[in-house]
Every structure is written in C-alpha cells, then in structure tokens.
Amino acid sequence: MLVGLLYLILFQLLGHLIVVGLAIPIPSPVVGLVLLFVYLLIKGHVPASLLGVANVLLPLLPLFLIPASAGIIQYGDLIIEDGVAIAAALLGSLTISILVVPHIFLFFIRLFQRQS
C-alpha cells in the first residue's frame, strides 16, 4: 500500500515541478493526475498497490470537498455581485459534463475490451 501512495505522491510532485518550471496556470495536482493517467495507459494496467490505495481513499473523497465548500463563505460579496454569472457557468459546465462523460466512459470501456 505504501508503494501505491508513493505513486500518487510522485506524480503530484512531477506535476508540481512541471507547473512551477513552465509557469503554467494549471493546478499541479491536475497535471500530476494527467501524467499518472498517461503512465497507466502506457503500462496497460493498474498496479495492485495503486488499486489498494485507491480503494482506501475513494470513500474519503467527499471529505476533500468540505474545505472548498466552506471557503465559499469567505466570498459572499463576490457571490452577491456575480451570482447569476457563477450560477450560469456552473449550470453550463454541469450540463456539458452530464452529456460528455458517458461518451468518454463508453469509449474507455470499448478500448479496454479490445485490449483484453
């Protein structure tokens, strides 16, 4: 399980180094996850140690959203001023996500079925 955690930490560190080194305005965890995704695609399977860590962390995922939700309180004036635009952006992105994610999911199911 420690090896799986090391995978996650290593790829987040690589993402951070790339973001800082290239000065790109993308969160380093996102870059790290993309790198991990590419690595897993190249490798062709998910290591058992990474699966073990994922199975432990996945049920705890909602806990990571609490600080972001609580942070909204800090921006009350901004929400009052631009609340309609924020709500429209959230609704639009949610709609696009609901329409696009199933197609991506089906693409990867077909891709992995061809490989097996």
N, C-alpha and C. Protein backbone atom coordinates (compact mmCIF):
# COMPACT_ATOMS: atom_id res chain seq x y z
N MET A 1 0.82 -1.19 0.00
CA MET A 1 0.00 0.00 0.00
C MET A 1 0.87 1.26 0.00
N LEU A 2 2.02 1.20 0.63
CA LEU A 2 2.91 2.35 0.64
C LEU A 2 3.44 2.65 -0.77
N VAL A 3 3.64 1.60 -1.56
CA VAL A 3 4.11 1.80 -2.93
C VAL A 3 3.05 2.55 -3.73
N GLY A 4 1.78 2.22 -3.54
CA GLY A 4 0.70 2.91 -4.23
C GLY A 4 0.62 4.37 -3.82
N LEU A 5 0.79 4.64 -2.54
CA LEU A 5 0.80 6.01 -2.07
C LEU A 5 2.00 6.76 -2.64
N LEU A 6 3.10 6.08 -2.77
CA LEU A 6 4.29 6.68 -3.37
C LEU A 6 4.03 7.05 -4.84
N TYR A 7 3.28 6.21 -5.57
CA TYR A 7 2.89 6.56 -6.94
C TYR A 7 2.17 7.91 -6.95
N LEU A 8 1.17 8.06 -6.08
CA LEU A 8 0.37 9.28 -6.06
C LEU A 8 1.22 10.49 -5.71
N ILE A 9 2.07 10.35 -4.70
CA ILE A 9 2.91 11.46 -4.28
C ILE A 9 3.92 11.81 -5.36
N LEU A 10 4.51 10.82 -5.99
CA LEU A 10 5.49 11.05 -7.04
C LEU A 10 4.89 11.80 -8.22
N PHE A 11 3.70 11.38 -8.65
CA PHE A 11 3.09 12.04 -9.80
C PHE A 11 2.60 13.44 -9.45
N GLN A 12 2.18 13.66 -8.21
CA GLN A 12 1.82 15.02 -7.81
C GLN A 12 3.07 15.90 -7.77
N LEU A 13 4.17 15.35 -7.30
CA LEU A 13 5.43 16.09 -7.28
C LEU A 13 5.88 16.43 -8.71
N LEU A 14 5.79 15.46 -9.61
CA LEU A 14 6.14 15.72 -11.01
C LEU A 14 5.24 16.81 -11.60
N GLY A 15 3.96 16.76 -11.29
CA GLY A 15 3.03 17.79 -11.75
C GLY A 15 3.41 19.15 -11.20
N HIS A 16 3.80 19.20 -9.94
CA HIS A 16 4.20 20.46 -9.33
C HIS A 16 5.47 21.01 -9.98
N LEU A 17 6.44 20.13 -10.22
CA LEU A 17 7.68 20.57 -10.86
C LEU A 17 7.42 21.11 -12.27
N ILE A 18 6.52 20.47 -13.01
CA ILE A 18 6.20 20.94 -14.35
C ILE A 18 5.49 22.30 -14.30
N VAL A 19 4.53 22.44 -13.39
CA VAL A 19 3.79 23.71 -13.28
C VAL A 19 4.72 24.85 -12.87
N VAL A 20 5.58 24.60 -11.89
CA VAL A 20 6.50 25.64 -11.44
C VAL A 20 7.56 25.91 -12.51
N GLY A 21 8.10 24.85 -13.09
CA GLY A 21 9.15 25.01 -14.09
C GLY A 21 8.70 25.72 -15.35
N LEU A 22 7.48 25.43 -15.80
CA LEU A 22 6.97 26.03 -17.04
C LEU A 22 6.07 27.24 -16.78
N ALA A 23 5.78 27.51 -15.51
CA ALA A 23 4.92 28.64 -15.11
C ALA A 23 3.58 28.61 -15.83
N ILE A 24 2.94 27.43 -15.84
CA ILE A 24 1.64 27.30 -16.48
C ILE A 24 0.54 27.46 -15.43
N PRO A 25 -0.57 28.07 -15.81
CA PRO A 25 -1.65 28.34 -14.84
C PRO A 25 -2.62 27.18 -14.66
N ILE A 26 -2.10 25.99 -14.43
CA ILE A 26 -2.93 24.80 -14.21
C ILE A 26 -2.54 24.25 -12.85
N PRO A 27 -3.51 23.83 -12.04
CA PRO A 27 -3.16 23.26 -10.73
C PRO A 27 -2.24 22.04 -10.88
N SER A 28 -1.22 21.99 -10.06
CA SER A 28 -0.25 20.90 -10.17
C SER A 28 -0.85 19.51 -9.92
N PRO A 29 -1.85 19.35 -9.02
CA PRO A 29 -2.45 18.02 -8.90
C PRO A 29 -3.13 17.55 -10.19
N VAL A 30 -3.68 18.48 -10.95
CA VAL A 30 -4.32 18.11 -12.22
C VAL A 30 -3.26 17.61 -13.20
N VAL A 31 -2.14 18.33 -13.28
CA VAL A 31 -1.06 17.90 -14.17
C VAL A 31 -0.54 16.54 -13.71
N GLY A 32 -0.40 16.35 -12.40
CA GLY A 32 0.06 15.07 -11.87
C GLY A 32 -0.87 13.93 -12.21
N LEU A 33 -2.18 14.18 -12.12
CA LEU A 33 -3.14 13.13 -12.46
C LEU A 33 -3.12 12.80 -13.96
N VAL A 34 -2.92 13.82 -14.79
CA VAL A 34 -2.81 13.56 -16.23
C VAL A 34 -1.57 12.72 -16.51
N LEU A 35 -0.46 13.04 -15.84
CA LEU A 35 0.76 12.25 -16.01
C LEU A 35 0.55 10.80 -15.54
N LEU A 36 -0.14 10.64 -14.41
CA LEU A 36 -0.43 9.30 -13.90
C LEU A 36 -1.31 8.54 -14.89
N PHE A 37 -2.30 9.22 -15.46
CA PHE A 37 -3.19 8.61 -16.43
C PHE A 37 -2.41 8.14 -17.66
N VAL A 38 -1.53 9.00 -18.17
CA VAL A 38 -0.72 8.63 -19.33
C VAL A 38 0.18 7.44 -18.99
N TYR A 39 0.77 7.47 -17.81
CA TYR A 39 1.63 6.36 -17.38
C TYR A 39 0.85 5.05 -17.33
N LEU A 40 -0.37 5.10 -16.78
CA LEU A 40 -1.18 3.88 -16.68
C LEU A 40 -1.63 3.40 -18.06
N LEU A 41 -1.90 4.34 -18.98
CA LEU A 41 -2.25 3.93 -20.35
C LEU A 41 -1.07 3.24 -21.02
N ILE A 42 0.12 3.79 -20.82
CA ILE A 42 1.31 3.18 -21.42
C ILE A 42 1.58 1.82 -20.80
N LYS A 43 1.44 1.75 -19.48
CA LYS A 43 1.72 0.48 -18.79
C LYS A 43 0.68 -0.58 -19.15
N GLY A 44 -0.55 -0.18 -19.35
CA GLY A 44 -1.58 -1.12 -19.78
C GLY A 44 -2.42 -1.71 -18.66
N HIS A 45 -2.01 -1.52 -17.42
CA HIS A 45 -2.81 -2.00 -16.29
C HIS A 45 -2.47 -1.17 -15.05
N VAL A 46 -3.36 -1.24 -14.08
CA VAL A 46 -3.16 -0.51 -12.82
C VAL A 46 -2.48 -1.45 -11.84
N PRO A 47 -1.34 -1.02 -11.26
CA PRO A 47 -0.66 -1.88 -10.28
C PRO A 47 -1.55 -2.15 -9.07
N ALA A 48 -1.40 -3.33 -8.48
CA ALA A 48 -2.22 -3.73 -7.34
C ALA A 48 -2.04 -2.78 -6.16
N SER A 49 -0.83 -2.28 -5.97
CA SER A 49 -0.60 -1.37 -4.85
C SER A 49 -1.37 -0.07 -5.02
N LEU A 50 -1.48 0.41 -6.26
CA LEU A 50 -2.24 1.63 -6.53
C LEU A 50 -3.74 1.38 -6.38
N LEU A 51 -4.19 0.20 -6.76
CA LEU A 51 -5.60 -0.15 -6.55
C LEU A 51 -5.94 -0.18 -5.06
N GLY A 52 -5.03 -0.71 -4.25
CA GLY A 52 -5.27 -0.76 -2.80
C GLY A 52 -5.42 0.62 -2.20
N VAL A 53 -4.54 1.54 -2.60
CA VAL A 53 -4.63 2.91 -2.08
C VAL A 53 -5.90 3.58 -2.59
N ALA A 54 -6.25 3.37 -3.86
CA ALA A 54 -7.45 3.97 -4.42
C ALA A 54 -8.70 3.47 -3.69
N ASN A 55 -8.73 2.19 -3.35
CA ASN A 55 -9.89 1.65 -2.64
C ASN A 55 -10.02 2.23 -1.24
N VAL A 56 -8.91 2.61 -0.64
CA VAL A 56 -8.95 3.22 0.70
C VAL A 56 -9.35 4.69 0.60
N LEU A 57 -8.79 5.42 -0.38
CA LEU A 57 -9.02 6.86 -0.47
C LEU A 57 -10.35 7.24 -1.11
N LEU A 58 -10.86 6.42 -2.00
CA LEU A 58 -12.08 6.78 -2.72
C LEU A 58 -13.28 7.04 -1.81
N PRO A 59 -13.55 6.22 -0.79
CA PRO A 59 -14.68 6.55 0.09
C PRO A 59 -14.48 7.85 0.88
N LEU A 60 -13.23 8.30 1.01
CA LEU A 60 -12.94 9.52 1.76
C LEU A 60 -12.98 10.77 0.88
N LEU A 61 -13.22 10.61 -0.41
CA LEU A 61 -13.20 11.72 -1.35
C LEU A 61 -14.12 12.88 -0.95
N PRO A 62 -15.34 12.64 -0.46
CA PRO A 62 -16.18 13.78 -0.07
C PRO A 62 -15.56 14.66 1.01
N LEU A 63 -14.72 14.11 1.84
CA LEU A 63 -14.08 14.91 2.88
C LEU A 63 -13.15 15.96 2.29
N PHE A 64 -12.59 15.69 1.11
CA PHE A 64 -11.70 16.65 0.48
C PHE A 64 -12.47 17.84 -0.08
N LEU A 65 -13.79 17.72 -0.25
CA LEU A 65 -14.60 18.80 -0.80
C LEU A 65 -15.10 19.77 0.28
N ILE A 66 -15.03 19.38 1.54
CA ILE A 66 -15.54 20.23 2.62
C ILE A 66 -14.80 21.56 2.71
N PRO A 67 -13.46 21.60 2.68
CA PRO A 67 -12.79 22.91 2.75
C PRO A 67 -13.17 23.84 1.60
N ALA A 68 -13.31 23.30 0.40
CA ALA A 68 -13.70 24.14 -0.73
C ALA A 68 -15.11 24.68 -0.54
N SER A 69 -16.01 23.86 -0.03
CA SER A 69 -17.38 24.30 0.22
C SER A 69 -17.43 25.36 1.31
N ALA A 70 -16.65 25.17 2.36
CA ALA A 70 -16.62 26.14 3.45
C ALA A 70 -15.96 27.44 3.00
N GLY A 71 -15.05 27.38 2.07
CA GLY A 71 -14.36 28.57 1.58
C GLY A 71 -15.27 29.53 0.83
N ILE A 72 -16.41 29.03 0.35
CA ILE A 72 -17.35 29.89 -0.37
C ILE A 72 -17.86 31.00 0.54
N ILE A 73 -17.99 30.73 1.81
CA ILE A 73 -18.49 31.73 2.77
C ILE A 73 -17.62 32.97 2.75
N GLN A 74 -16.34 32.79 2.51
CA GLN A 74 -15.38 33.89 2.50
C GLN A 74 -15.65 34.86 1.34
N TYR A 75 -16.30 34.41 0.29
CA TYR A 75 -16.52 35.22 -0.90
C TYR A 75 -17.97 35.63 -1.08
N GLY A 76 -18.64 35.96 0.02
CA GLY A 76 -20.05 36.34 -0.03
C GLY A 76 -20.32 37.55 -0.92
N ASP A 77 -19.47 38.58 -0.83
CA ASP A 77 -19.66 39.78 -1.65
C ASP A 77 -19.55 39.46 -3.14
N LEU A 78 -18.61 38.62 -3.49
CA LEU A 78 -18.43 38.23 -4.89
C LEU A 78 -19.64 37.45 -5.39
N ILE A 79 -20.18 36.59 -4.53
CA ILE A 79 -21.35 35.80 -4.92
C ILE A 79 -22.56 36.70 -5.11
N ILE A 80 -22.70 37.70 -4.25
CA ILE A 80 -23.81 38.64 -4.41
C ILE A 80 -23.67 39.43 -5.71
N GLU A 81 -22.44 39.86 -5.99
CA GLU A 81 -22.18 40.68 -7.18
C GLU A 81 -22.29 39.90 -8.48
N ASP A 82 -21.71 38.70 -8.53
CA ASP A 82 -21.66 37.92 -9.77
C ASP A 82 -22.36 36.57 -9.64
N GLY A 83 -23.34 36.49 -8.77
CA GLY A 83 -24.01 35.22 -8.52
C GLY A 83 -24.68 34.62 -9.74
N VAL A 84 -25.30 35.45 -10.56
CA VAL A 84 -26.00 34.94 -11.75
C VAL A 84 -25.00 34.35 -12.75
N ALA A 85 -23.88 35.04 -12.96
CA ALA A 85 -22.86 34.54 -13.89
C ALA A 85 -22.24 33.24 -13.35
N ILE A 86 -21.99 33.18 -12.05
CA ILE A 86 -21.43 31.97 -11.45
C ILE A 86 -22.41 30.81 -11.58
N ALA A 87 -23.69 31.08 -11.30
CA ALA A 87 -24.70 30.02 -11.42
C ALA A 87 -24.83 29.54 -12.87
N ALA A 88 -24.78 30.48 -13.83
CA ALA A 88 -24.87 30.09 -15.25
C ALA A 88 -23.66 29.24 -15.64
N ALA A 89 -22.47 29.63 -15.19
CA ALA A 89 -21.27 28.85 -15.51
C ALA A 89 -21.34 27.46 -14.90
N LEU A 90 -21.81 27.37 -13.66
CA LEU A 90 -21.94 26.06 -13.01
C LEU A 90 -22.97 25.19 -13.72
N LEU A 91 -24.10 25.78 -14.06
CA LEU A 91 -25.15 25.02 -14.75
C LEU A 91 -24.68 24.57 -16.14
N GLY A 92 -24.00 25.45 -16.85
CA GLY A 92 -23.49 25.10 -18.17
C GLY A 92 -22.46 23.98 -18.10
N SER A 93 -21.50 24.10 -17.16
CA SER A 93 -20.47 23.07 -17.06
C SER A 93 -21.06 21.75 -16.59
N LEU A 94 -22.05 21.80 -15.71
CA LEU A 94 -22.72 20.57 -15.26
C LEU A 94 -23.44 19.89 -16.42
N THR A 95 -24.13 20.68 -17.22
CA THR A 95 -24.85 20.13 -18.37
C THR A 95 -23.89 19.49 -19.37
N ILE A 96 -22.80 20.19 -19.66
CA ILE A 96 -21.81 19.63 -20.59
C ILE A 96 -21.21 18.36 -20.02
N SER A 97 -20.91 18.36 -18.72
CA SER A 97 -20.33 17.16 -18.09
C SER A 97 -21.29 15.98 -18.18
N ILE A 98 -22.55 16.22 -17.90
CA ILE A 98 -23.54 15.14 -17.93
C ILE A 98 -23.68 14.58 -19.34
N LEU A 99 -23.52 15.43 -20.34
CA LEU A 99 -23.65 14.97 -21.72
C LEU A 99 -22.38 14.30 -22.25
N VAL A 100 -21.21 14.71 -21.79
CA VAL A 100 -19.96 14.23 -22.35
C VAL A 100 -19.39 13.02 -21.62
N VAL A 101 -19.49 12.99 -20.29
CA VAL A 101 -18.85 11.93 -19.50
C VAL A 101 -19.33 10.53 -19.89
N PRO A 102 -20.61 10.29 -20.13
CA PRO A 102 -20.99 8.92 -20.55
C PRO A 102 -20.31 8.47 -21.84
N HIS A 103 -20.10 9.39 -22.78
CA HIS A 103 -19.43 9.02 -24.03
C HIS A 103 -17.96 8.69 -23.78
N ILE A 104 -17.32 9.44 -22.92
CA ILE A 104 -15.93 9.14 -22.56
C ILE A 104 -15.86 7.78 -21.87
N PHE A 105 -16.78 7.52 -20.97
CA PHE A 105 -16.83 6.25 -20.26
C PHE A 105 -17.00 5.09 -21.24
N LEU A 106 -17.92 5.22 -22.18
CA LEU A 106 -18.14 4.16 -23.17
C LEU A 106 -16.91 3.97 -24.06
N PHE A 107 -16.24 5.08 -24.39
CA PHE A 107 -15.02 4.98 -25.19
C PHE A 107 -13.98 4.13 -24.48
N PHE A 108 -13.77 4.37 -23.20
CA PHE A 108 -12.77 3.62 -22.47
C PHE A 108 -13.20 2.17 -22.22
N ILE A 109 -14.49 1.93 -22.05
CA ILE A 109 -14.95 0.54 -21.93
C ILE A 109 -14.62 -0.21 -23.21
N ARG A 110 -14.93 0.39 -24.36
CA ARG A 110 -14.63 -0.28 -25.64
C ARG A 110 -13.12 -0.45 -25.84
N LEU A 111 -12.36 0.56 -25.44
CA LEU A 111 -10.91 0.48 -25.57
C LEU A 111 -10.33 -0.66 -24.75
N PHE A 112 -10.79 -0.80 -23.51
CA PHE A 112 -10.26 -1.85 -22.64
C PHE A 112 -10.79 -3.22 -23.03
N GLN A 113 -11.99 -3.30 -23.62
CA GLN A 113 -12.49 -4.58 -24.08
C GLN A 113 -11.70 -5.08 -25.27
N ARG A 114 -11.22 -4.18 -26.13
CA ARG A 114 -10.40 -4.57 -27.26
C ARG A 114 -9.04 -5.09 -26.80
N GLN A 115 -8.53 -4.52 -25.70
CA GLN A 115 -7.21 -4.93 -25.21
C GLN A 115 -7.24 -6.28 -24.51
N SER A 116 -8.40 -6.67 -23.98
CA SER A 116 -8.46 -7.94 -23.23
C SER A 116 -8.59 -9.12 -24.13
